[in-house]
Amino acid sequence: MAQRASGTTRVVVLSASYGGAAHGVSESIGAYYRTRCSDTVELTIIDPLAQFMPSVNVLAKFAYQQASEFFPAGRGNLAELSRLGPKNQVVAGLAAGGLDRIADYLAEHDPDVVISTSPIAAGVAAELSVKMSFAAVSVVTDYATRDSWIHPRTALFFVPSRDVRDELAVGGTPWDRIIVSGVPVADKFATGGTGAGLRSYLGIADRFTALLLATASPQVDSDHMAAELASAGIQVMAAAGANARVQRRLMAVSEKTELVRVFGFTEEMPALMRGSDVLVAHAGGIALAEALAVGLPLVVLGPVPGLEIRNVDALVNNGAALLSRDESDAVEKVKFLSSHPERLTQMVANAATLGKLDAVQTMCERVLAFAR
């Protein structure tokens, strides 16, 4: 790689595409450094499994979707993990040359800091930091910890809550390595109004509003949910993303009622969230962290058992979310919140406590201060 400019810090972000919030968090970190620190930070973002171990990446995605624990605790080095879990295909793939390919890439880029946003990347970076001259930083995106995030060579952990900090400390991580930052989300969520003003901007009525993140999942009939909510007098903003089939079905509902407004792929998600009273969505991805950052309570549609259920349990235990058994239960929980303003107000406060609008700034600036 070309010689670095004087006074710059070279940062590599290790992301993941197989599930969870890793990709969204990596993009938020990248956007902050590119827009705020372009003169002082040389940034690279890479998905190491997708680029260097595509077959293992497929296995990791399948394992994540099946809610199995696909990467063991990183308390030791890779050789120890191979011995403890000889049938683990992710560890086997890393041991069989994947780690060397990632090491060659990092040696070429010569980073000062490697930031990991997934447990697998965190373990890889921590192990490679032993022989390479960079600091391994982990951005924990889970609201309930998993041992696979933990590695004794990790220099800093950025965690979403005090609960996670305490769990890491009990597990043996030194207190001075743990920073309660919140989950980094795009800093565009930190600006804008709320309530009536945003609803006027979005062209919808000033009334109780549910934001529905529509899905193509065969287990959830998003258009039916939108229709049921509207029939109960609840205004719905349905975000269908890039899924044309789901969007068409939702548009058919919106043609029958003024209470359903449909959005396709949109850059207005901060406005949609700030203009809503509750978010109805699946667990997983970055959306839950974005909602918490703007103080938006959650009704979570049946999370995957195992990995995601622990995250949702943590949000429910902190009073920021309600867990629904199925789509009918989700409709009933939204109706409950629409008629119990005192409960809704408390959930707003709890969500804002968990979510931190300045998380990406806190994390990015602390990393640079540590590297210097």
Protein backbone atom coordinates (compact mmCIF):
# COMPACT_ATOMS: atom_id res chain seq x y z
CA MET A 1 0.00 0.00 0.00
CA ALA A 2 1.11 3.57 -0.62
CA GLN A 3 2.99 5.34 2.14
CA ARG A 4 0.60 6.99 4.54
CA ALA A 5 0.30 10.74 4.76
CA SER A 6 1.96 12.37 7.74
CA GLY A 7 -0.24 12.57 10.83
CA THR A 8 -2.93 10.21 9.54
CA THR A 9 -4.36 7.14 11.28
CA ARG A 10 -4.97 4.08 9.14
CA VAL A 11 -8.18 2.23 10.09
CA VAL A 12 -9.49 -1.06 8.72
CA VAL A 13 -13.07 -2.06 9.58
CA LEU A 14 -13.87 -5.79 9.45
CA SER A 15 -17.56 -6.18 8.67
CA ALA A 16 -19.89 -9.13 8.03
CA SER A 17 -22.82 -9.76 5.72
CA TYR A 18 -24.17 -13.00 7.19
CA GLY A 19 -26.59 -11.41 9.66
CA GLY A 20 -27.10 -9.03 12.55
CA ALA A 21 -26.15 -5.36 12.68
CA ALA A 22 -22.50 -5.73 11.61
CA HIS A 23 -22.91 -4.33 8.10
CA GLY A 24 -24.99 -1.34 9.16
CA VAL A 25 -22.66 -0.48 12.01
CA SER A 26 -19.63 -0.71 9.71
CA GLU A 27 -21.28 1.65 7.23
CA SER A 28 -22.07 4.12 10.02
CA ILE A 29 -18.45 4.09 11.18
CA GLY A 30 -17.23 4.49 7.62
CA ALA A 31 -19.58 7.41 6.94
CA TYR A 32 -18.39 9.23 10.06
CA TYR A 33 -14.71 8.90 9.23
CA ARG A 34 -15.22 9.84 5.58
CA THR A 35 -17.28 12.95 6.30
CA ARG A 36 -15.65 14.15 9.53
CA CYS A 37 -12.06 12.91 9.40
CA SER A 38 -11.13 12.55 5.74
CA ASP A 39 -7.87 14.49 6.24
CA THR A 40 -6.72 12.46 9.23
CA VAL A 41 -8.06 8.94 8.69
CA GLU A 42 -7.25 6.48 5.90
CA LEU A 43 -10.19 4.08 5.95
CA THR A 44 -10.86 0.65 4.47
CA ILE A 45 -13.96 -1.51 5.08
CA ILE A 46 -13.86 -5.19 4.19
CA ASP A 47 -16.01 -8.28 4.78
CA PRO A 48 -13.21 -10.83 5.35
CA LEU A 49 -15.37 -13.96 5.14
CA ALA A 50 -17.09 -12.87 1.93
CA GLN A 51 -13.83 -11.81 0.27
CA PHE A 52 -11.42 -14.51 1.40
CA MET A 53 -13.61 -17.43 2.53
CA PRO A 54 -16.86 -17.33 0.52
CA SER A 55 -17.78 -20.95 1.29
CA VAL A 56 -17.36 -20.33 5.02
CA ASN A 57 -19.39 -17.15 4.65
CA VAL A 58 -22.27 -19.21 3.26
CA LEU A 59 -22.00 -21.56 6.25
CA ALA A 60 -21.92 -18.65 8.68
CA LYS A 61 -25.03 -17.15 7.10
CA PHE A 62 -26.86 -20.46 7.29
CA ALA A 63 -25.79 -20.99 10.89
CA TYR A 64 -26.88 -17.48 11.84
CA GLN A 65 -30.30 -17.95 10.25
CA GLN A 66 -30.66 -21.29 12.03
CA ALA A 67 -29.75 -19.52 15.30
CA SER A 68 -26.88 -21.86 16.12
CA GLU A 69 -23.76 -20.63 17.94
CA PHE A 70 -21.45 -20.71 14.95
CA PHE A 71 -18.28 -19.35 16.51
CA PRO A 72 -16.97 -20.46 19.91
CA ALA A 73 -15.58 -18.32 22.70
CA GLY A 74 -12.42 -16.51 21.64
CA ARG A 75 -10.69 -16.78 25.01
CA GLY A 76 -7.73 -18.59 23.50
CA ASN A 77 -5.95 -18.68 20.17
CA LEU A 78 -7.12 -20.39 17.00
CA ALA A 79 -5.19 -23.56 17.71
CA GLU A 80 -7.00 -23.95 21.02
CA LEU A 81 -10.35 -23.29 19.35
CA SER A 82 -9.56 -25.93 16.71
CA ARG A 83 -8.84 -28.45 19.44
CA LEU A 84 -11.96 -27.54 21.46
CA GLY A 85 -14.26 -27.48 18.46
CA PRO A 86 -12.78 -29.78 15.80
CA LYS A 87 -16.09 -29.99 13.88
CA ASN A 88 -16.68 -26.24 13.76
CA GLN A 89 -16.47 -25.40 10.06
CA VAL A 90 -15.83 -21.69 10.59
CA VAL A 91 -12.82 -22.37 12.79
CA ALA A 92 -11.66 -25.12 10.42
CA GLY A 93 -11.86 -22.73 7.46
CA LEU A 94 -9.86 -20.10 9.30
CA ALA A 95 -7.24 -22.63 10.35
CA ALA A 96 -6.99 -24.00 6.80
CA GLY A 97 -5.70 -20.80 5.29
CA GLY A 98 -8.40 -18.20 5.79
CA LEU A 99 -6.52 -16.58 8.63
CA ASP A 100 -3.37 -16.34 6.50
CA ARG A 101 -5.27 -14.60 3.68
CA ILE A 102 -6.74 -12.08 6.10
CA ALA A 103 -3.30 -11.59 7.68
CA ASP A 104 -1.74 -10.91 4.25
CA TYR A 105 -4.43 -8.32 3.53
CA LEU A 106 -3.84 -6.55 6.85
CA ALA A 107 -0.08 -6.67 6.39
CA GLU A 108 -0.48 -4.98 3.01
CA HIS A 109 -2.71 -2.23 4.47
CA ASP A 110 -0.63 -1.83 7.66
CA PRO A 111 -3.44 -0.43 9.86
CA ASP A 112 -3.00 1.32 13.18
CA VAL A 113 -6.41 0.07 14.29
CA VAL A 114 -8.65 -2.80 13.19
CA ILE A 115 -12.29 -2.33 14.18
CA SER A 116 -14.47 -5.46 14.18
CA THR A 117 -18.26 -5.39 14.11
CA SER A 118 -18.91 -9.14 14.28
CA PRO A 119 -17.74 -11.83 16.73
CA ILE A 120 -15.84 -13.82 14.09
CA ALA A 121 -13.96 -10.75 12.88
CA ALA A 122 -13.28 -9.74 16.48
CA GLY A 123 -11.62 -13.06 17.23
CA VAL A 124 -9.58 -12.96 14.03
CA ALA A 125 -8.39 -9.39 14.60
CA ALA A 126 -7.49 -10.02 18.23
CA GLU A 127 -5.42 -13.06 17.33
CA LEU A 128 -3.61 -11.36 14.45
CA SER A 129 -2.84 -8.32 16.60
CA VAL A 130 -0.50 -10.48 18.66
CA LYS A 131 1.99 -10.61 15.77
CA MET A 132 1.04 -7.40 13.97
CA SER A 133 1.37 -3.81 15.13
CA PHE A 134 -2.27 -2.74 15.30
CA ALA A 135 -4.83 -2.33 18.08
CA ALA A 136 -7.83 -4.68 17.89
CA VAL A 137 -11.10 -2.89 18.71
CA SER A 138 -14.46 -4.67 19.01
CA VAL A 139 -17.79 -2.90 18.54
CA VAL A 140 -20.28 -5.19 20.28
CA THR A 141 -23.62 -5.01 18.51
CA ASP A 142 -25.47 -7.40 20.84
CA TYR A 143 -27.50 -6.13 23.79
CA ALA A 144 -26.82 -9.44 25.51
CA THR A 145 -23.23 -10.66 25.32
CA ARG A 146 -21.98 -13.88 23.81
CA ASP A 147 -18.65 -15.41 24.78
CA SER A 148 -17.59 -15.34 21.13
CA TRP A 149 -17.00 -11.58 21.42
CA ILE A 150 -14.42 -12.07 24.16
CA HIS A 151 -10.70 -12.28 23.45
CA PRO A 152 -7.90 -11.36 25.86
CA ARG A 153 -5.97 -9.51 23.12
CA THR A 154 -8.79 -7.07 22.30
CA ALA A 155 -7.57 -3.59 23.21
CA LEU A 156 -10.97 -1.87 23.50
CA PHE A 157 -14.60 -2.97 23.61
CA PHE A 158 -17.38 -0.54 22.72
CA VAL A 159 -20.64 -1.89 24.12
CA PRO A 160 -24.31 -0.88 23.84
CA SER A 161 -25.24 -0.78 27.52
CA ARG A 162 -24.08 -0.98 31.11
CA ASP A 163 -25.55 -4.48 31.32
CA VAL A 164 -23.20 -5.66 28.59
CA ARG A 165 -20.28 -3.84 30.23
CA ASP A 166 -20.98 -5.64 33.50
CA GLU A 167 -21.24 -9.02 31.77
CA LEU A 168 -17.89 -8.52 30.04
CA ALA A 169 -16.28 -7.43 33.31
CA VAL A 170 -17.64 -10.45 35.17
CA GLY A 171 -16.21 -12.59 32.36
CA GLY A 172 -12.74 -11.20 33.06
CA THR A 173 -12.39 -8.23 30.71
CA PRO A 174 -10.65 -5.32 32.49
CA TRP A 175 -12.94 -2.37 33.18
CA ASP A 176 -10.62 0.11 31.49
CA ARG A 177 -11.02 -1.70 28.17
CA ILE A 178 -14.83 -1.36 28.12
CA ILE A 179 -16.61 1.80 26.94
CA VAL A 180 -20.39 2.13 27.06
CA SER A 181 -20.96 3.95 23.78
CA GLY A 182 -24.24 2.58 22.48
CA VAL A 183 -24.50 0.94 19.06
CA PRO A 184 -23.13 3.28 16.34
CA VAL A 185 -25.79 4.34 13.86
CA ALA A 186 -25.60 6.90 11.06
CA ASP A 187 -25.32 10.40 12.47
CA LYS A 188 -28.22 11.55 10.25
CA PHE A 189 -30.45 10.03 12.95
CA ALA A 190 -29.18 12.69 15.36
CA THR A 191 -30.91 15.57 13.59
CA GLY A 192 -34.49 16.45 12.75
CA GLY A 193 -37.75 17.09 14.54
CA THR A 194 -40.32 14.73 15.96
CA GLY A 195 -44.05 14.17 16.01
CA ALA A 196 -46.49 16.51 14.26
CA GLY A 197 -43.89 18.49 12.33
CA LEU A 198 -42.40 15.41 10.72
CA ARG A 199 -45.81 13.89 10.02
CA SER A 200 -46.70 17.06 8.14
CA TYR A 201 -43.40 16.82 6.22
CA LEU A 202 -44.20 13.19 5.34
CA GLY A 203 -47.71 14.08 4.23
CA ILE A 204 -49.60 12.05 6.81
CA ALA A 205 -52.14 12.94 9.49
CA ASP A 206 -51.13 14.01 12.99
CA ARG A 207 -52.28 10.92 14.88
CA PHE A 208 -50.84 7.79 16.52
CA THR A 209 -48.59 6.18 13.91
CA ALA A 210 -46.92 2.79 13.62
CA LEU A 211 -43.91 2.33 11.37
CA LEU A 212 -44.01 -1.16 9.87
CA LEU A 213 -40.81 -2.52 8.36
CA ALA A 214 -42.42 -4.85 5.87
CA THR A 215 -40.82 -8.16 5.06
CA ALA A 216 -41.04 -10.83 2.39
CA SER A 217 -40.89 -13.53 5.05
CA PRO A 218 -43.50 -16.27 4.47
CA GLN A 219 -44.13 -16.25 8.22
CA VAL A 220 -45.36 -12.64 8.21
CA ASP A 221 -48.13 -11.18 6.06
CA SER A 222 -47.16 -7.50 6.12
CA ASP A 223 -50.12 -6.29 4.07
CA HIS A 224 -52.54 -8.12 6.36
CA MET A 225 -50.89 -6.50 9.39
CA ALA A 226 -51.17 -3.06 7.80
CA ALA A 227 -54.84 -3.63 7.05
CA GLU A 228 -55.56 -4.86 10.60
CA LEU A 229 -53.82 -1.88 12.16
CA ALA A 230 -55.69 0.54 9.90
CA SER A 231 -59.00 -1.11 10.74
CA ALA A 232 -58.23 -0.39 14.40
CA GLY A 233 -57.78 3.30 13.58
CA ILE A 234 -53.98 3.24 13.67
CA GLN A 235 -52.07 5.12 11.01
CA VAL A 236 -49.38 2.98 9.33
CA MET A 237 -46.24 3.95 7.47
CA ALA A 238 -45.14 0.75 5.74
CA ALA A 239 -41.54 0.67 4.51
CA ALA A 240 -41.16 -2.09 1.91
CA GLY A 241 -37.55 -1.41 0.95
CA ALA A 242 -36.56 -2.70 -2.48
CA ASN A 243 -39.05 -5.60 -2.45
CA ALA A 244 -41.41 -4.81 -5.33
CA ARG A 245 -43.82 -7.68 -4.57
CA VAL A 246 -44.33 -6.63 -0.97
CA GLN A 247 -44.69 -3.01 -2.05
CA ARG A 248 -47.42 -3.91 -4.57
CA ARG A 249 -49.39 -5.82 -1.96
CA LEU A 250 -49.13 -2.95 0.51
CA MET A 251 -50.19 -0.46 -2.17
CA ALA A 252 -53.34 -2.52 -2.70
CA VAL A 253 -54.12 -1.99 0.99
CA SER A 254 -53.32 1.73 0.87
CA GLU A 255 -55.75 2.20 -2.02
CA LYS A 256 -58.56 1.16 0.32
CA THR A 257 -57.66 3.35 3.29
CA GLU A 258 -56.00 6.71 3.89
CA LEU A 259 -54.45 5.32 7.07
CA VAL A 260 -51.77 3.31 5.21
CA ARG A 261 -48.91 5.09 3.49
CA VAL A 262 -46.38 2.95 1.60
CA PHE A 263 -42.70 3.73 1.08
CA GLY A 264 -40.32 1.80 -1.13
CA PHE A 265 -36.58 2.15 -0.83
CA THR A 266 -36.08 5.47 0.92
CA GLU A 267 -33.39 7.68 2.39
CA GLU A 268 -36.00 9.11 4.77
CA MET A 269 -35.76 6.43 7.45
CA PRO A 270 -34.70 8.94 10.15
CA ALA A 271 -37.81 11.01 9.37
CA LEU A 272 -40.02 7.92 9.27
CA MET A 273 -38.77 6.84 12.68
CA ARG A 274 -38.98 10.29 14.24
CA GLY A 275 -42.49 10.74 12.87
CA SER A 276 -43.74 7.45 14.36
CA ASP A 277 -44.88 6.39 17.81
CA VAL A 278 -43.84 2.74 17.61
CA LEU A 279 -41.76 0.53 15.30
CA VAL A 280 -43.00 -2.92 14.26
CA ALA A 281 -40.12 -4.99 12.89
CA HIS A 282 -38.21 -8.23 12.99
CA ALA A 283 -35.14 -8.50 15.17
CA GLY A 284 -31.80 -8.36 13.41
CA GLY A 285 -30.06 -5.77 11.31
CA ILE A 286 -29.42 -2.18 12.31
CA ALA A 287 -33.06 -1.01 12.49
CA LEU A 288 -33.57 -1.78 16.17
CA ALA A 289 -30.48 0.21 17.16
CA GLU A 290 -31.61 3.10 14.95
CA ALA A 291 -35.03 3.09 16.60
CA LEU A 292 -33.52 3.12 20.08
CA ALA A 293 -31.24 5.99 19.09
CA VAL A 294 -34.26 8.19 18.35
CA GLY A 295 -36.21 6.94 21.39
CA LEU A 296 -38.71 4.89 19.36
CA PRO A 297 -40.35 1.97 21.26
CA LEU A 298 -40.37 -1.42 19.58
CA VAL A 299 -42.84 -4.20 18.94
CA VAL A 300 -40.63 -7.04 17.77
CA LEU A 301 -42.00 -9.75 15.48
CA GLY A 302 -41.02 -13.23 16.65
CA PRO A 303 -37.20 -13.21 16.78
CA VAL A 304 -35.08 -16.18 15.79
CA PRO A 305 -34.50 -18.35 18.90
CA GLY A 306 -30.95 -18.28 20.22
CA LEU A 307 -28.96 -15.36 18.89
CA GLU A 308 -31.71 -12.80 18.39
CA ILE A 309 -33.98 -13.80 21.25
CA ARG A 310 -31.30 -12.86 23.80
CA ASN A 311 -31.04 -9.41 22.27
CA VAL A 312 -34.80 -8.93 22.30
CA ASP A 313 -35.04 -10.24 25.86
CA ALA A 314 -32.55 -7.56 26.92
CA LEU A 315 -34.62 -4.84 25.24
CA VAL A 316 -37.83 -6.15 26.82
CA ASN A 317 -36.18 -6.40 30.24
CA ASN A 318 -35.10 -2.77 29.91
CA GLY A 319 -38.65 -1.72 29.06
CA ALA A 320 -37.91 -0.51 25.52
CA ALA A 321 -39.64 -3.29 23.55
CA LEU A 322 -42.57 -5.68 23.53
CA LEU A 323 -42.19 -9.15 22.04
CA SER A 324 -45.01 -10.47 19.89
CA ARG A 325 -45.72 -14.15 19.36
CA ASP A 326 -47.11 -13.62 15.86
CA GLU A 327 -48.53 -10.91 13.63
CA SER A 328 -51.93 -10.90 15.36
CA ASP A 329 -50.22 -10.44 18.72
CA ALA A 330 -48.13 -7.61 17.25
CA VAL A 331 -51.32 -5.82 16.16
CA GLU A 332 -52.78 -6.20 19.65
CA LYS A 333 -49.63 -4.82 21.28
CA VAL A 334 -49.63 -1.77 19.00
CA LYS A 335 -53.31 -1.21 19.83
CA PHE A 336 -52.45 -1.46 23.53
CA LEU A 337 -49.75 1.20 23.26
CA SER A 338 -52.03 3.47 21.26
CA SER A 339 -54.53 3.48 24.13
CA HIS A 340 -52.06 3.58 27.04
CA PRO A 341 -50.07 6.82 26.64
CA GLU A 342 -48.44 6.49 30.06
CA ARG A 343 -46.93 3.12 29.09
CA LEU A 344 -45.84 4.51 25.73
CA THR A 345 -44.16 7.50 27.39
CA GLN A 346 -42.21 5.23 29.71
CA MET A 347 -41.09 3.05 26.79
CA VAL A 348 -39.93 6.15 24.90
CA ALA A 349 -37.78 7.13 27.87
CA ASN A 350 -36.40 3.60 28.22
CA ALA A 351 -35.57 3.39 24.51
CA ALA A 352 -33.77 6.74 24.63
CA THR A 353 -31.75 5.53 27.62
CA LEU A 354 -30.55 2.45 25.73
CA GLY A 355 -30.02 4.20 22.42
CA LYS A 356 -27.35 6.87 22.23
CA LEU A 357 -27.45 9.36 19.36
CA ASP A 358 -23.77 10.20 19.74
CA ALA A 359 -22.60 6.57 19.75
CA VAL A 360 -20.80 6.73 16.40
CA GLN A 361 -18.99 9.95 17.37
CA THR A 362 -18.06 8.58 20.79
CA MET A 363 -16.68 5.38 19.31
CA CYS A 364 -14.84 6.91 16.35
CA GLU A 365 -13.20 9.70 18.35
CA ARG A 366 -12.18 7.43 21.22
CA VAL A 367 -10.57 5.03 18.74
CA LEU A 368 -8.52 7.86 17.23
CA ALA A 369 -7.48 9.14 20.64
CA PHE A 370 -6.40 5.63 21.62
CA ALA A 371 -4.46 5.11 18.39
CA ARG A 372 -2.53 8.34 18.82
